PDB file of N, CA and C in Angstrom:
ATOM      1  N   UNK A   1      49.846 232.650  52.136  1.00  0.00           N
ATOM      2  CA  UNK A   1      50.446 232.037  51.212  1.00  0.00           C
ATOM      3  C   UNK A   1      49.377 231.070  51.311  1.00  0.00           C
ATOM      4  N   UNK A   2      48.731 230.135  52.142  1.00  0.00           N
ATOM      5  CA  UNK A   2      47.419 228.911  51.871  1.00  0.00           C
ATOM      6  C   UNK A   2      46.585 229.353  51.124  1.00  0.00           C
ATOM      7  N   UNK A   3      45.954 230.871  50.834  1.00  0.00           N
ATOM      8  CA  UNK A   3      45.000 230.976  50.256  1.00  0.00           C
ATOM      9  C   UNK A   3      45.483 232.130  48.900  1.00  0.00           C
ATOM     10  N   UNK A   4      46.304 231.374  48.336  1.00  0.00           N
ATOM     11  CA  UNK A   4      46.762 231.894  47.219  1.00  0.00           C
ATOM     12  C   UNK A   4      46.278 231.400  46.021  1.00  0.00           C
ATOM     13  N   UNK A   5      45.443 230.243  45.828  1.00  0.00           N
ATOM     14  CA  UNK A   5      44.847 229.696  44.581  1.00  0.00           C
ATOM     15  C   UNK A   5      43.473 230.284  44.923  1.00  0.00           C
ATOM     16  N   UNK A   6      43.134 230.926  45.543  1.00  0.00           N
ATOM     17  CA  UNK A   6      41.634 231.541  46.451  1.00  0.00           C
ATOM     18  C   UNK A   6      41.381 232.637  45.571  1.00  0.00           C
ATOM     19  N   UNK A   7      39.787 233.339  45.105  1.00  0.00           N
ATOM     20  CA  UNK A   7      39.642 234.301  44.819  1.00  0.00           C
ATOM     21  C   UNK A   7      38.523 234.587  46.255  1.00  0.00           C
ATOM     22  N   UNK A   8      38.191 234.601  46.201  1.00  0.00           N
ATOM     23  CA  UNK A   8      36.483 235.090  47.337  1.00  0.00           C
ATOM     24  C   UNK A   8      37.351 235.479  48.016  1.00  0.00           C
ATOM     25  N   UNK A   9      38.033 236.795  48.074  1.00  0.00           N
ATOM     26  CA  UNK A   9      38.425 237.861  49.248  1.00  0.00           C
ATOM     27  C   UNK A   9      37.424 238.205  50.566  1.00  0.00           C
ATOM     28  N   UNK A  10      36.621 237.936  50.273  1.00  0.00           N
ATOM     29  CA  UNK A  10      35.849 238.320  51.803  1.00  0.00           C
ATOM     30  C   UNK A  10      36.060 236.937  52.642  1.00  0.00           C
ATOM     31  N   UNK A  11      35.514 235.790  52.529  1.00  0.00           N
ATOM     32  CA  UNK A  11      35.409 234.953  52.257  1.00  0.00           C
ATOM     33  C   UNK A  11      37.134 234.394  53.465  1.00  0.00           C
ATOM     34  N   UNK A  12      38.427 234.841  52.661  1.00  0.00           N
ATOM     35  CA  UNK A  12      39.464 234.559  53.099  1.00  0.00           C
ATOM     36  C   UNK A  12      40.128 235.675  54.345  1.00  0.00           C
ATOM     37  N   UNK A  13      38.985 236.511  54.303  1.00  0.00           N
ATOM     38  CA  UNK A  13      39.322 237.715  55.183  1.00  0.00           C
ATOM     39  C   UNK A  13      38.413 236.711  56.940  1.00  0.00           C
ATOM     40  N   UNK A  14      37.123 235.899  56.312  1.00  0.00           N
ATOM     41  CA  UNK A  14      37.025 235.260  57.226  1.00  0.00           C
ATOM     42  C   UNK A  14      37.769 234.206  58.534  1.00  0.00           C
ATOM     43  N   UNK A  15      38.117 233.752  57.069  1.00  0.00           N
ATOM     44  CA  UNK A  15      39.319 232.784  57.312  1.00  0.00           C
ATOM     45  C   UNK A  15      40.106 233.109  57.653  1.00  0.00           C
ATOM     46  N   UNK A  16      40.163 234.433  58.040  1.00  0.00           N
ATOM     47  CA  UNK A  16      42.207 234.490  58.691  1.00  0.00           C
ATOM     48  C   UNK A  16      41.283 235.263  59.915  1.00  0.00           C
ATOM     49  N   UNK A  17      40.667 235.699  60.267  1.00  0.00           N
ATOM     50  CA  UNK A  17      39.434 236.225  61.217  1.00  0.00           C
ATOM     51  C   UNK A  17      39.299 234.586  62.047  1.00  0.00           C
ATOM     52  N   UNK A  18      39.440 233.738  61.729  1.00  0.00           N
ATOM     53  CA  UNK A  18      39.054 232.416  62.426  1.00  0.00           C
ATOM     54  C   UNK A  18      40.242 232.014  63.012  1.00  0.00           C
ATOM     55  N   UNK A  19      41.397 231.810  62.309  1.00  0.00           N
ATOM     56  CA  UNK A  19      42.457 232.093  62.349  1.00  0.00           C
ATOM     57  C   UNK A  19      43.281 232.287  63.301  1.00  0.00           C
ATOM     58  N   UNK A  20      42.866 233.560  63.520  1.00  0.00           N
ATOM     59  CA  UNK A  20      43.493 234.880  64.544  1.00  0.00           C
ATOM     60  C   UNK A  20      42.774 234.289  66.060  1.00  0.00           C
ATOM     61  N   UNK A  21      41.382 234.139  65.515  1.00  0.00           N
ATOM     62  CA  UNK A  21      40.778 233.768  66.920  1.00  0.00           C
ATOM     63  C   UNK A  21      40.929 232.360  67.482  1.00  0.00           C
ATOM     64  N   UNK A  22      41.890 231.456  66.333  1.00  0.00           N
ATOM     65  CA  UNK A  22      42.258 229.505  66.962  1.00  0.00           C
ATOM     66  C   UNK A  22      43.357 229.718  67.530  1.00  0.00           C
ATOM     67  N   UNK A  23      44.583 231.102  66.729  1.00  0.00           N
ATOM     68  CA  UNK A  23      45.889 231.110  67.372  1.00  0.00           C
ATOM     69  C   UNK A  23      46.071 232.793  67.490  1.00  0.00           C
ATOM     70  N   UNK A  24      45.515 233.549  68.539  1.00  0.00           N
ATOM     71  CA  UNK A  24      45.714 235.078  68.868  1.00  0.00           C
ATOM     72  C   UNK A  24      47.361 235.410  69.297  1.00  0.00           C
ATOM     73  N   UNK A  25      48.411 234.598  68.962  1.00  0.00           N
ATOM     74  CA  UNK A  25      49.563 235.269  68.785  1.00  0.00           C
ATOM     75  C   UNK A  25      50.051 234.729  67.873  1.00  0.00           C
ATOM     76  N   UNK A  26      49.029 234.380  67.222  1.00  0.00           N
ATOM     77  CA  UNK A  26      49.581 234.870  65.810  1.00  0.00           C
ATOM     78  C   UNK A  26      49.253 236.457  64.915  1.00  0.00           C
ATOM     79  N   UNK A  27      48.041 236.590  65.554  1.00  0.00           N
ATOM     80  CA  UNK A  27      47.976 237.813  65.267  1.00  0.00           C
ATOM     81  C   UNK A  27      48.770 239.179  65.402  1.00  0.00           C
ATOM     82  N   UNK A  28      48.807 239.077  66.635  1.00  0.00           N
ATOM     83  CA  UNK A  28      50.060 239.523  67.504  1.00  0.00           C
ATOM     84  C   UNK A  28      51.550 239.706  67.219  1.00  0.00           C
ATOM     85  N   UNK A  29      52.237 238.896  65.880  1.00  0.00           N
ATOM     86  CA  UNK A  29      53.370 238.681  65.717  1.00  0.00           C
ATOM     87  C   UNK A  29      53.408 238.726  64.150  1.00  0.00           C
ATOM     88  N   UNK A  30      51.949 238.812  63.280  1.00  0.00           N
ATOM     89  CA  UNK A  30      51.455 238.836  61.852  1.00  0.00           C
ATOM     90  C   UNK A  30      52.750 239.518  60.900  1.00  0.00           C
ATOM     91  N   UNK A  31      53.094 240.575  61.692  1.00  0.00           N
ATOM     92  CA  UNK A  31      54.032 241.587  60.664  1.00  0.00           C
ATOM     93  C   UNK A  31      55.839 240.901  61.294  1.00  0.00           C
ATOM     94  N   UNK A  32      56.150 239.587  61.746  1.00  0.00           N
ATOM     95  CA  UNK A  32      57.219 239.256  61.796  1.00  0.00           C
ATOM     96  C   UNK A  32      57.493 237.866  60.766  1.00  0.00           C
ATOM     97  N   UNK A  33      58.352 237.778  60.626  1.00  0.00           N
ATOM     98  CA  UNK A  33      58.947 236.816  59.094  1.00  0.00           C
ATOM     99  C   UNK A  33      58.520 235.305  59.920  1.00  0.00           C
ATOM    100  N   UNK A  34      58.467 234.328  59.730  1.00  0.00           N
ATOM    101  CA  UNK A  34      57.892 232.974  59.912  1.00  0.00           C
ATOM    102  C   UNK A  34      59.442 232.703  60.679  1.00  0.00           C
ATOM    103  N   UNK A  35      60.386 232.563  60.094  1.00  0.00           N
ATOM    104  CA  UNK A  35      61.591 232.389  60.578  1.00  0.00           C
ATOM    105  C   UNK A  35      62.352 232.780  61.979  1.00  0.00           C
ATOM    106  N   UNK A  36      61.090 233.746  62.376  1.00  0.00           N
ATOM    107  CA  UNK A  36      61.706 234.583  63.140  1.00  0.00           C
ATOM    108  C   UNK A  36      60.997 234.381  64.904  1.00  0.00           C
ATOM    109  N   UNK A  37      59.781 233.541  63.974  1.00  0.00           N
ATOM    110  CA  UNK A  37      58.707 232.720  65.714  1.00  0.00           C
ATOM    111  C   UNK A  37      59.417 231.581  66.299  1.00  0.00           C
ATOM    112  N   UNK A  38      58.605 231.531  67.215  1.00  0.00           N
ATOM    113  CA  UNK A  38      59.202 230.230  67.870  1.00  0.00           C
ATOM    114  C   UNK A  38      59.310 229.002  67.545  1.00  0.00           C
ATOM    115  N   UNK A  39      59.228 227.645  68.082  1.00  0.00           N
ATOM    116  CA  UNK A  39      59.009 226.364  67.541  1.00  0.00           C
ATOM    117  C   UNK A  39      57.660 227.003  67.173  1.00  0.00           C
ATOM    118  N   UNK A  40      56.542 226.626  68.629  1.00  0.00           N
ATOM    119  CA  UNK A  40      55.157 226.319  68.801  1.00  0.00           C
ATOM    120  C   UNK A  40      54.762 227.314  67.760  1.00  0.00           C
ATOM    121  N   UNK A  41      55.230 228.644  67.784  1.00  0.00           N
ATOM    122  CA  UNK A  41      54.195 229.704  66.485  1.00  0.00           C
ATOM    123  C   UNK A  41      54.727 229.461  65.157  1.00  0.00           C
ATOM    124  N   UNK A  42      55.588 228.628  64.816  1.00  0.00           N
ATOM    125  CA  UNK A  42      55.958 228.495  63.612  1.00  0.00           C
ATOM    126  C   UNK A  42      55.118 227.168  63.325  1.00  0.00           C
ATOM    127  N   UNK A  43      54.683 226.013  64.342  1.00  0.00           N
ATOM    128  CA  UNK A  43      53.903 225.082  64.109  1.00  0.00           C
ATOM    129  C   UNK A  43      52.406 225.855  63.743  1.00  0.00           C
ATOM    130  N   UNK A  44      52.189 226.821  64.759  1.00  0.00           N
ATOM    131  CA  UNK A  44      50.851 227.444  64.469  1.00  0.00           C
ATOM    132  C   UNK A  44      50.688 227.970  63.183  1.00  0.00           C
ATOM    133  N   UNK A  45      51.683 228.457  62.515  1.00  0.00           N
ATOM    134  CA  UNK A  45      51.345 229.118  61.195  1.00  0.00           C
ATOM    135  C   UNK A  45      51.432 228.276  60.336  1.00  0.00           C
ATOM    136  N   UNK A  46      52.496 226.668  60.107  1.00  0.00           N
ATOM    137  CA  UNK A  46      52.045 225.835  59.827  1.00  0.00           C
ATOM    138  C   UNK A  46      50.577 225.670  59.534  1.00  0.00           C
ATOM    139  N   UNK A  47      50.071 225.376  60.885  1.00  0.00           N
ATOM    140  CA  UNK A  47      48.756 224.642  60.723  1.00  0.00           C
ATOM    141  C   UNK A  47      47.766 225.481  59.854  1.00  0.00           C
ATOM    142  N   UNK A  48      47.642 227.082  60.323  1.00  0.00           N
ATOM    143  CA  UNK A  48      47.546 228.252  59.560  1.00  0.00           C
ATOM    144  C   UNK A  48      47.023 228.176  58.128  1.00  0.00           C
ATOM    145  N   UNK A  49      48.108 227.719  58.013  1.00  0.00           N
ATOM    146  CA  UNK A  49      48.616 228.355  56.754  1.00  0.00           C
ATOM    147  C   UNK A  49      47.826 227.502  55.755  1.00  0.00           C
ATOM    148  N   UNK A  50      47.791 225.820  56.122  1.00  0.00           N
ATOM    149  CA  UNK A  50      47.140 224.564  55.432  1.00  0.00           C
ATOM    150  C   UNK A  50      45.368 225.280  55.792  1.00  0.00           C
ATOM    151  N   UNK A  51      45.041 225.239  56.723  1.00  0.00           N
ATOM    152  CA  UNK A  51      43.695 225.635  56.737  1.00  0.00           C
ATOM    153  C   UNK A  51      43.491 226.660  56.071  1.00  0.00           C
ATOM    154  N   UNK A  52      43.831 227.724  55.357  1.00  0.00           N
ATOM    155  CA  UNK A  52      43.511 228.916  54.446  1.00  0.00           C
ATOM    156  C   UNK A  52      43.141 228.037  53.213  1.00  0.00           C
ATOM    157  N   UNK A  53      44.007 227.192  53.002  1.00  0.00           N
ATOM    158  CA  UNK A  53      43.363 225.769  51.481  1.00  0.00           C
ATOM    159  C   UNK A  53      41.733 226.031  51.882  1.00  0.00           C
ATOM    160  N   UNK A  54      41.692 225.414  53.059  1.00  0.00           N
ATOM    161  CA  UNK A  54      40.202 224.820  53.298  1.00  0.00           C
ATOM    162  C   UNK A  54      40.268 223.397  53.259  1.00  0.00           C
ATOM    163  N   UNK A  55      41.128 223.202  53.461  1.00  0.00           N
ATOM    164  CA  UNK A  55      40.923 221.195  52.746  1.00  0.00           C
ATOM    165  C   UNK A  55      40.167 220.593  53.905  1.00  0.00           C
ATOM    166  N   UNK A  56      39.598 219.677  52.800  1.00  0.00           N
ATOM    167  CA  UNK A  56      38.988 218.216  53.483  1.00  0.00           C
ATOM    168  C   UNK A  56      39.952 217.223  54.756  1.00  0.00           C
ATOM    169  N   UNK A  57      40.850 216.799  53.481  1.00  0.00           N
ATOM    170  CA  UNK A  57      41.869 216.181  54.933  1.00  0.00           C
ATOM    171  C   UNK A  57      43.308 217.322  54.790  1.00  0.00           C
ATOM    172  N   UNK A  58      43.605 217.410  56.560  1.00  0.00           N
ATOM    173  CA  UNK A  58      44.694 217.486  56.692  1.00  0.00           C
ATOM    174  C   UNK A  58      44.956 216.999  57.223  1.00  0.00           C
ATOM    175  N   UNK A  59      46.936 216.725  56.323  1.00  0.00           N
ATOM    176  CA  UNK A  59      48.019 215.484  57.290  1.00  0.00           C
ATOM    177  C   UNK A  59      48.738 216.617  58.216  1.00  0.00           C
ATOM    178  N   UNK A  60      48.598 215.648  59.101  1.00  0.00           N
ATOM    179  CA  UNK A  60      49.581 216.244  60.380  1.00  0.00           C
ATOM    180  C   UNK A  60      51.066 215.553  60.942  1.00  0.00           C
ATOM    181  N   UNK A  61      52.182 215.887  60.602  1.00  0.00           N
ATOM    182  CA  UNK A  61      53.524 215.002  60.918  1.00  0.00           C
ATOM    183  C   UNK A  61      54.173 215.784  62.115  1.00  0.00           C
ATOM    184  N   UNK A  62      53.679 215.175  63.253  1.00  0.00           N
ATOM    185  CA  UNK A  62      54.533 215.296  64.507  1.00  0.00           C
ATOM    186  C   UNK A  62      54.193 216.567  64.768  1.00  0.00           C
ATOM    187  N   UNK A  63      52.801 217.651  64.919  1.00  0.00           N
ATOM    188  CA  UNK A  63      53.045 218.260  65.719  1.00  0.00           C
ATOM    189  C   UNK A  63      53.671 219.205  66.719  1.00  0.00           C
ATOM    190  N   UNK A  64      53.404 217.809  67.703  1.00  0.00           N
ATOM    191  CA  UNK A  64      54.387 218.433  69.103  1.00  0.00           C
ATOM    192  C   UNK A  64      55.619 218.420  69.252  1.00  0.00           C
ATOM    193  N   UNK A  65      56.626 218.101  67.933  1.00  0.00           N
ATOM    194  CA  UNK A  65      57.998 217.796  68.343  1.00  0.00           C
ATOM    195  C   UNK A  65      58.159 219.213  68.734  1.00  0.00           C
ATOM    196  N   UNK A  66      59.239 218.876  69.289  1.00  0.00           N
ATOM    197  CA  UNK A  66      60.268 219.967  70.393  1.00  0.00           C
ATOM    198  C   UNK A  66      59.672 221.168  70.854  1.00  0.00           C
ATOM    199  N   UNK A  67      58.280 220.589  71.184  1.00  0.00           N
ATOM    200  CA  UNK A  67      57.458 221.646  71.783  1.00  0.00           C
ATOM    201  C   UNK A  67      56.939 222.075  73.047  1.00  0.00           C
ATOM    202  N   UNK A  68      57.216 222.929  73.748  1.00  0.00           N
ATOM    203  CA  UNK A  68      57.184 222.772  75.575  1.00  0.00           C
ATOM    204  C   UNK A  68      55.432 222.070  76.047  1.00  0.00           C
ATOM    205  N   UNK A  69      55.199 221.180  76.963  1.00  0.00           N
ATOM    206  CA  UNK A  69      53.914 220.749  77.198  1.00  0.00           C
ATOM    207  C   UNK A  69      53.138 221.068  77.142  1.00  0.00           C
ATOM    208  N   UNK A  70      52.795 222.487  77.443  1.00  0.00           N
ATOM    209  CA  UNK A  70      51.864 223.471  77.341  1.00  0.00           C
ATOM    210  C   UNK A  70      51.340 223.476  76.017  1.00  0.00           C
ATOM    211  N   UNK A  71      52.266 224.253  75.605  1.00  0.00           N
ATOM    212  CA  UNK A  71      52.034 224.492  73.742  1.00  0.00           C
ATOM    213  C   UNK A  71      51.737 223.537  73.606  1.00  0.00           C
ATOM    214  N   UNK A  72      51.882 221.848  73.726  1.00  0.00           N
ATOM    215  CA  UNK A  72      51.729 220.840  72.878  1.00  0.00           C
ATOM    216  C   UNK A  72      50.070 220.798  72.908  1.00  0.00           C
ATOM    217  N   UNK A  73      49.299 220.701  74.611  1.00  0.00           N
ATOM    218  CA  UNK A  73      48.303 220.491  74.897  1.00  0.00           C
ATOM    219  C   UNK A  73      47.597 222.201  73.715  1.00  0.00           C
ATOM    220  N   UNK A  74      48.311 223.002  73.594  1.00  0.00           N
ATOM    221  CA  UNK A  74      47.255 223.931  72.797  1.00  0.00           C
ATOM    222  C   UNK A  74      47.045 223.093  71.818  1.00  0.00           C
ATOM    223  N   UNK A  75      48.524 223.383  71.352  1.00  0.00           N
ATOM    224  CA  UNK A  75      47.867 222.387  69.532  1.00  0.00           C
ATOM    225  C   UNK A  75      46.901 221.283  69.209  1.00  0.00           C
ATOM    226  N   UNK A  76      46.954 220.490  70.726  1.00  0.00           N
ATOM    227  CA  UNK A  76      45.962 219.236  70.427  1.00  0.00           C
ATOM    228  C   UNK A  76      44.921 219.378  70.134  1.00  0.00           C
ATOM    229  N   UNK A  77      44.307 220.904  71.370  1.00  0.00           N
ATOM    230  CA  UNK A  77      43.281 221.342  71.825  1.00  0.00           C
ATOM    231  C   UNK A  77      42.428 222.005  70.084  1.00  0.00           C
ATOM    232  N   UNK A  78      43.266 222.104  69.561  1.00  0.00           N
ATOM    233  CA  UNK A  78      43.043 223.303  68.269  1.00  0.00           C
ATOM    234  C   UNK A  78      42.713 221.930  67.294  1.00  0.00           C
ATOM    235  N   UNK A  79      43.628 221.116  67.196  1.00  0.00           N
ATOM    236  CA  UNK A  79      43.070 220.151  66.151  1.00  0.00           C
ATOM    237  C   UNK A  79      41.764 219.352  66.441  1.00  0.00           C
ATOM    238  N   UNK A  80      41.922 218.980  67.702  1.00  0.00           N
ATOM    239  CA  UNK A  80      40.349 218.316  68.319  1.00  0.00           C
ATOM    240  C   UNK A  80      39.248 219.637  67.418  1.00  0.00           C
ATOM    241  N   UNK A  81      39.349 221.152  67.825  1.00  0.00           N
ATOM    242  CA  UNK A  81      38.680 221.618  67.368  1.00  0.00           C
ATOM    243  C   UNK A  81      38.211 222.016  65.551  1.00  0.00           C
ATOM    244  N   UNK A  82      39.376 222.170  64.974  1.00  0.00           N
ATOM    245  CA  UNK A  82      39.103 221.812  63.370  1.00  0.00           C
ATOM    246  C   UNK A  82      38.877 220.673  62.793  1.00  0.00           C
ATOM    247  N   UNK A  83      39.021 220.262  63.615  1.00  0.00           N
ATOM    248  CA  UNK A  83      38.221 218.128  63.151  1.00  0.00           C
ATOM    249  C   UNK A  83      37.366 218.546  63.364  1.00  0.00           C
ATOM    250  N   UNK A  84      36.514 219.243  64.541  1.00  0.00           N
ATOM    251  CA  UNK A  84      35.036 218.819  65.021  1.00  0.00           C
ATOM    252  C   UNK A  84      34.204 220.361  64.360  1.00  0.00           C
ATOM    253  N   UNK A  85      34.478 221.610  64.316  1.00  0.00           N
ATOM    254  CA  UNK A  85      34.109 222.795  63.284  1.00  0.00           C
ATOM    255  C   UNK A  85      34.036 222.348  62.313  1.00  0.00           C
ATOM    256  N   UNK A  86      34.864 222.562  61.970  1.00  0.00           N
ATOM    257  CA  UNK A  86      34.520 222.029  60.304  1.00  0.00           C
ATOM    258  C   UNK A  86      35.017 220.527  59.424  1.00  0.00           C
ATOM    259  N   UNK A  87      34.239 219.557  60.475  1.00  0.00           N
ATOM    260  CA  UNK A  87      34.044 218.400  59.726  1.00  0.00           C
ATOM    261  C   UNK A  87      35.321 217.945  58.658  1.00  0.00           C
ATOM    262  N   UNK A  88      36.837 218.777  58.912  1.00  0.00           N
ATOM    263  CA  UNK A  88      37.649 218.357  58.340  1.00  0.00           C
ATOM    264  C   UNK A  88      38.627 217.625  58.782  1.00  0.00           C
ATOM    265  N   UNK A  89      38.805 216.304  58.141  1.00  0.00           N
ATOM    266  CA  UNK A  89      39.785 215.068  58.278  1.00  0.00           C
ATOM    267  C   UNK A  89      41.226 215.464  58.486  1.00  0.00           C
ATOM    268  N   UNK A  90      41.422 214.525  60.020  1.00  0.00           N
ATOM    269  CA  UNK A  90      42.787 214.791  60.061  1.00  0.00           C
ATOM    270  C   UNK A  90      43.913 213.627  60.602  1.00  0.00           C
ATOM    271  N   UNK A  91      44.422 213.804  59.409  1.00  0.00           N
ATOM    272  CA  UNK A  91      45.243 212.585  59.659  1.00  0.00           C
ATOM    273  C   UNK A  91      46.458 212.547  60.172  1.00  0.00           C
ATOM    274  N   UNK A  92      46.504 212.036  61.565  1.00  0.00           N
ATOM    275  CA  UNK A  92      47.712 212.804  62.369  1.00  0.00           C
ATOM    276  C   UNK A  92      49.492 211.694  62.973  1.00  0.00           C
ATOM    277  N   UNK A  93      50.016 211.689  62.729  1.00  0.00           N
ATOM    278  CA  UNK A  93      51.125 211.058  63.249  1.00  0.00           C
ATOM    279  C   UNK A  93      51.981 211.358  63.988  1.00  0.00           C
ATOM    280  N   UNK A  94      51.982 210.512  65.103  1.00  0.00           N
ATOM    281  CA  UNK A  94      52.796 211.452  66.559  1.00  0.00           C
ATOM    282  C   UNK A  94      52.853 210.119  67.741  1.00  0.00           C
ATOM    283  N   UNK A  95      54.502 210.872  67.531  1.00  0.00           N
ATOM    284  CA  UNK A  95      54.598 209.825  68.547  1.00  0.00           C
ATOM    285  C   UNK A  95      54.483 210.026  70.092  1.00  0.00           C
ATOM    286  N   UNK A  96      53.616 210.920  70.553  1.00  0.00           N
ATOM    287  CA  UNK A  96      52.896 211.296  71.907  1.00  0.00           C
ATOM    288  C   UNK A  96      51.879 210.412  71.855  1.00  0.00           C
ATOM    289  N   UNK A  97      51.442 208.850  71.824  1.00  0.00           N
ATOM    290  CA  UNK A  97      50.818 208.256  71.535  1.00  0.00           C
ATOM    291  C   UNK A  97      49.583 208.573  72.038  1.00  0.00           C
ATOM    292  N   UNK A  98      49.337 208.904  73.204  1.00  0.00           N
ATOM    293  CA  UNK A  98      48.904 209.453  74.741  1.00  0.00           C
ATOM    294  C   UNK A  98      47.698 210.235  74.133  1.00  0.00           C
ATOM    295  N   UNK A  99      48.438 211.400  74.128  1.00  0.00           N
ATOM    296  CA  UNK A  99      48.311 212.677  72.975  1.00  0.00           C
ATOM    297  C   UNK A  99      47.307 212.768  72.408  1.00  0.00           C
ATOM    298  N   UNK A 100      47.899 211.506  71.277  1.00  0.00           N
ATOM    299  CA  UNK A 100      47.756 211.520  69.848  1.00  0.00           C
ATOM    300  C   UNK A 100      46.038 210.722  69.663  1.00  0.00           C
ATOM    301  N   UNK A 101      46.219 209.464  70.425  1.00  0.00           N
ATOM    302  CA  UNK A 101      44.886 208.999  71.064  1.00  0.00           C
ATOM    303  C   UNK A 101      43.990 209.614  71.576  1.00  0.00           C
ATOM    304  N   UNK A 102      44.322 210.776  72.316  1.00  0.00           N
ATOM    305  CA  UNK A 102      43.110 211.619  72.802  1.00  0.00           C
ATOM    306  C   UNK A 102      42.479 212.103  72.100  1.00  0.00           C
ATOM    307  N   UNK A 103      43.116 212.078  70.672  1.00  0.00           N
ATOM    308  CA  UNK A 103      42.656 213.239  69.807  1.00  0.00           C
ATOM    309  C   UNK A 103      42.111 212.493  68.857  1.00  0.00           C
ATOM    310  N   UNK A 104      42.064 211.274  68.568  1.00  0.00           N
ATOM    311  CA  UNK A 104      41.786 210.615  67.422  1.00  0.00           C
ATOM    312  C   UNK A 104      41.021 209.912  67.928  1.00  0.00           C
ATOM    313  N   UNK A 105      39.332 210.047  66.860  1.00  0.00           N
ATOM    314  CA  UNK A 105      38.431 208.712  66.546  1.00  0.00           C
ATOM    315  C   UNK A 105      39.132 207.483  66.433  1.00  0.00           C
ATOM    316  N   UNK A 106      40.038 207.292  65.972  1.00  0.00           N
ATOM    317  CA  UNK A 106      40.636 205.882  65.380  1.00  0.00           C
ATOM    318  C   UNK A 106      42.058 206.025  66.104  1.00  0.00           C
ATOM    319  N   UNK A 107      42.645 204.982  66.271  1.00  0.00           N
ATOM    320  CA  UNK A 107      43.923 205.072  66.277  1.00  0.00           C
ATOM    321  C   UNK A 107      44.859 203.560  65.077  1.00  0.00           C
TER     322      UNK A 107
END
């Protein structure tokens, strides 16, 4: 769905591979409906769907809400990775100020 407006099939497949490297669990669950995924997996799917559009700016509102601490740490590590590897600007709204500020260049 995130690549709906794109026509570069080869690049779309490359981006899908990148997404599966970021979120291996999504590759395992690729045949499941999104509504049947856990909360953390749904958050990963939402981020992945946005990344497929190759945004210059990614807006994230409370990516840790309702997630287990381990999954929250994984999400924040991946957010930092996206910012560093793709030079994607990320505007993050997060109640967990400690984690949010660790991931931020500015707060």
